[in-house]
Amino acid sequence: AIEAGVPVAVATPGRLSRLLDDGHAKVAGMELVVVDLAMDLKQRDVLSLPETRRDFFQLFRSHLCGPLKEASAAAPRLALCGKPKAL
């Protein structure tokens, strides 16, 4: 179903990268890409974890940097979401 294209994608960096790498999803046609960076079960900031940080930057470099650089109407918007730390 997502191979036909979706206007909004919400996923963790690793999951979205795999879907794009395997051809199950395409950035073309996406209006919004939401990258889930919520805290893990041990309440760690996921970007502090080396594998998640690597996945995020791999996703950005391989799939999102080009379309976002173009800044055309067809380029997706990028949103990073996560649960903020308690004050």
C-alpha atoms as a PDB file:
ATOM      1  CA  ALA A   1       0.000   0.000   0.000  1.00  0.00           C
ATOM      2  CA  ILE A   2       2.739   2.518   0.841  1.00  0.00           C
ATOM      3  CA  GLU A   3       4.549   1.616  -2.390  1.00  0.00           C
ATOM      4  CA  ALA A   4       1.842   3.575  -4.229  1.00  0.00           C
ATOM      5  CA  GLY A   5       2.949   6.674  -2.318  1.00  0.00           C
ATOM      6  CA  VAL A   6       1.905   8.376   0.888  1.00  0.00           C
ATOM      7  CA  PRO A   7       1.585  12.079   1.698  1.00  0.00           C
ATOM      8  CA  VAL A   8       2.841  11.646   5.296  1.00  0.00           C
ATOM      9  CA  ALA A   9       5.441   9.224   6.641  1.00  0.00           C
ATOM     10  CA  VAL A  10       5.991   8.715  10.383  1.00  0.00           C
ATOM     11  CA  ALA A  11       8.756   6.331  11.404  1.00  0.00           C
ATOM     12  CA  THR A  12      11.955   5.869  13.336  1.00  0.00           C
ATOM     13  CA  PRO A  13      15.101   6.759  11.368  1.00  0.00           C
ATOM     14  CA  GLY A  14      16.110   3.123  10.849  1.00  0.00           C
ATOM     15  CA  ARG A  15      12.655   1.931   9.785  1.00  0.00           C
ATOM     16  CA  LEU A  16      12.132   4.761   7.292  1.00  0.00           C
ATOM     17  CA  SER A  17      15.612   4.327   5.864  1.00  0.00           C
ATOM     18  CA  ARG A  18      14.999   0.589   5.307  1.00  0.00           C
ATOM     19  CA  LEU A  19      11.634   1.228   3.651  1.00  0.00           C
ATOM     20  CA  LEU A  20      13.222   3.757   1.297  1.00  0.00           C
ATOM     21  CA  ASP A  21      16.309   1.610   0.613  1.00  0.00           C
ATOM     22  CA  ASP A  22      14.158  -1.428  -0.222  1.00  0.00           C
ATOM     23  CA  GLY A  23      11.886   0.578  -2.527  1.00  0.00           C
ATOM     24  CA  HIS A  24       8.778   0.116  -0.377  1.00  0.00           C
ATOM     25  CA  ALA A  25       8.390   3.880  -0.002  1.00  0.00           C
ATOM     26  CA  LYS A  26       9.492   6.914  -2.017  1.00  0.00           C
ATOM     27  CA  VAL A  27      10.283  10.438  -0.874  1.00  0.00           C
ATOM     28  CA  ALA A  28       8.754  11.755  -4.105  1.00  0.00           C
ATOM     29  CA  GLY A  29       5.168  12.675  -3.369  1.00  0.00           C
ATOM     30  CA  MET A  30       5.622  12.876   0.406  1.00  0.00           C
ATOM     31  CA  GLU A  31       4.495  16.191   1.818  1.00  0.00           C
ATOM     32  CA  LEU A  32       5.672  15.560   5.371  1.00  0.00           C
ATOM     33  CA  VAL A  33       8.277  13.253   6.872  1.00  0.00           C
ATOM     34  CA  VAL A  34       8.022  12.875  10.654  1.00  0.00           C
ATOM     35  CA  VAL A  35      11.050  11.222  12.238  1.00  0.00           C
ATOM     36  CA  ASP A  36      10.251   9.623  15.590  1.00  0.00           C
ATOM     37  CA  LEU A  37      13.003  10.475  18.065  1.00  0.00           C
ATOM     38  CA  ALA A  38      11.091   9.680  21.263  1.00  0.00           C
ATOM     39  CA  MET A  39      12.938   8.482  24.329  1.00  0.00           C
ATOM     40  CA  ASP A  40      13.569   4.765  24.467  1.00  0.00           C
ATOM     41  CA  LEU A  41      12.210   2.529  27.239  1.00  0.00           C
ATOM     42  CA  LYS A  42      15.190   3.361  29.458  1.00  0.00           C
ATOM     43  CA  GLN A  43      14.422   7.091  29.037  1.00  0.00           C
ATOM     44  CA  ARG A  44      17.528   7.740  26.967  1.00  0.00           C
ATOM     45  CA  ASP A  45      17.553  10.397  24.294  1.00  0.00           C
ATOM     46  CA  VAL A  46      17.684   8.256  21.155  1.00  0.00           C
ATOM     47  CA  LEU A  47      20.123  10.583  19.358  1.00  0.00           C
ATOM     48  CA  SER A  48      22.589   9.875  22.156  1.00  0.00           C
ATOM     49  CA  LEU A  49      22.585   6.212  21.034  1.00  0.00           C
ATOM     50  CA  PRO A  50      25.250   5.638  18.363  1.00  0.00           C
ATOM     51  CA  GLU A  51      23.132   3.315  16.187  1.00  0.00           C
ATOM     52  CA  THR A  52      20.126   5.659  16.133  1.00  0.00           C
ATOM     53  CA  ARG A  53      22.311   8.691  15.459  1.00  0.00           C
ATOM     54  CA  ARG A  54      23.949   6.771  12.581  1.00  0.00           C
ATOM     55  CA  ASP A  55      20.524   5.750  11.211  1.00  0.00           C
ATOM     56  CA  PHE A  56      19.239   9.339  11.377  1.00  0.00           C
ATOM     57  CA  PHE A  57      22.191  10.837   9.516  1.00  0.00           C
ATOM     58  CA  GLN A  58      22.201   8.000   6.980  1.00  0.00           C
ATOM     59  CA  LEU A  59      18.499   8.643   6.299  1.00  0.00           C
ATOM     60  CA  PHE A  60      19.133  12.365   5.959  1.00  0.00           C
ATOM     61  CA  ARG A  61      22.153  12.025   3.665  1.00  0.00           C
ATOM     62  CA  SER A  62      20.761   9.244   1.483  1.00  0.00           C
ATOM     63  CA  HIS A  63      17.141  10.256   1.082  1.00  0.00           C
ATOM     64  CA  LEU A  64      16.213  13.649   2.478  1.00  0.00           C
ATOM     65  CA  CYS A  65      19.109  16.036   1.891  1.00  0.00           C
ATOM     66  CA  GLY A  66      18.635  16.303  -1.894  1.00  0.00           C
ATOM     67  CA  PRO A  67      14.873  16.956  -1.894  1.00  0.00           C
ATOM     68  CA  LEU A  68      15.119  19.374   1.046  1.00  0.00           C
ATOM     69  CA  LYS A  69      17.981  21.270  -0.620  1.00  0.00           C
ATOM     70  CA  GLU A  70      15.878  21.812  -3.727  1.00  0.00           C
ATOM     71  CA  ALA A  71      13.352  23.712  -1.605  1.00  0.00           C
ATOM     72  CA  SER A  72      10.741  23.279  -4.311  1.00  0.00           C
ATOM     73  CA  ALA A  73       7.034  22.885  -3.697  1.00  0.00           C
ATOM     74  CA  ALA A  74       7.503  19.120  -4.212  1.00  0.00           C
ATOM     75  CA  ALA A  75      10.104  18.812  -1.436  1.00  0.00           C
ATOM     76  CA  PRO A  76       8.735  17.250   1.760  1.00  0.00           C
ATOM     77  CA  ARG A  77       8.742  19.090   5.044  1.00  0.00           C
ATOM     78  CA  LEU A  78      10.774  17.438   7.792  1.00  0.00           C
ATOM     79  CA  ALA A  79       9.558  17.234  11.378  1.00  0.00           C
ATOM     80  CA  LEU A  80      11.434  15.652  14.276  1.00  0.00           C
ATOM     81  CA  CYS A  81       9.277  14.573  17.169  1.00  0.00           C
ATOM     82  CA  GLY A  82       9.987  13.136  20.550  1.00  0.00           C
ATOM     83  CA  LYS A  83       8.860  13.284  24.110  1.00  0.00           C
ATOM     84  CA  PRO A  84      10.577  16.180  25.885  1.00  0.00           C
ATOM     85  CA  LYS A  85      12.463  15.491  29.092  1.00  0.00           C
ATOM     86  CA  ALA A  86      10.646  16.356  32.298  1.00  0.00           C
ATOM     87  CA  LEU A  87      11.616  19.672  33.814  1.00  0.00           C
END
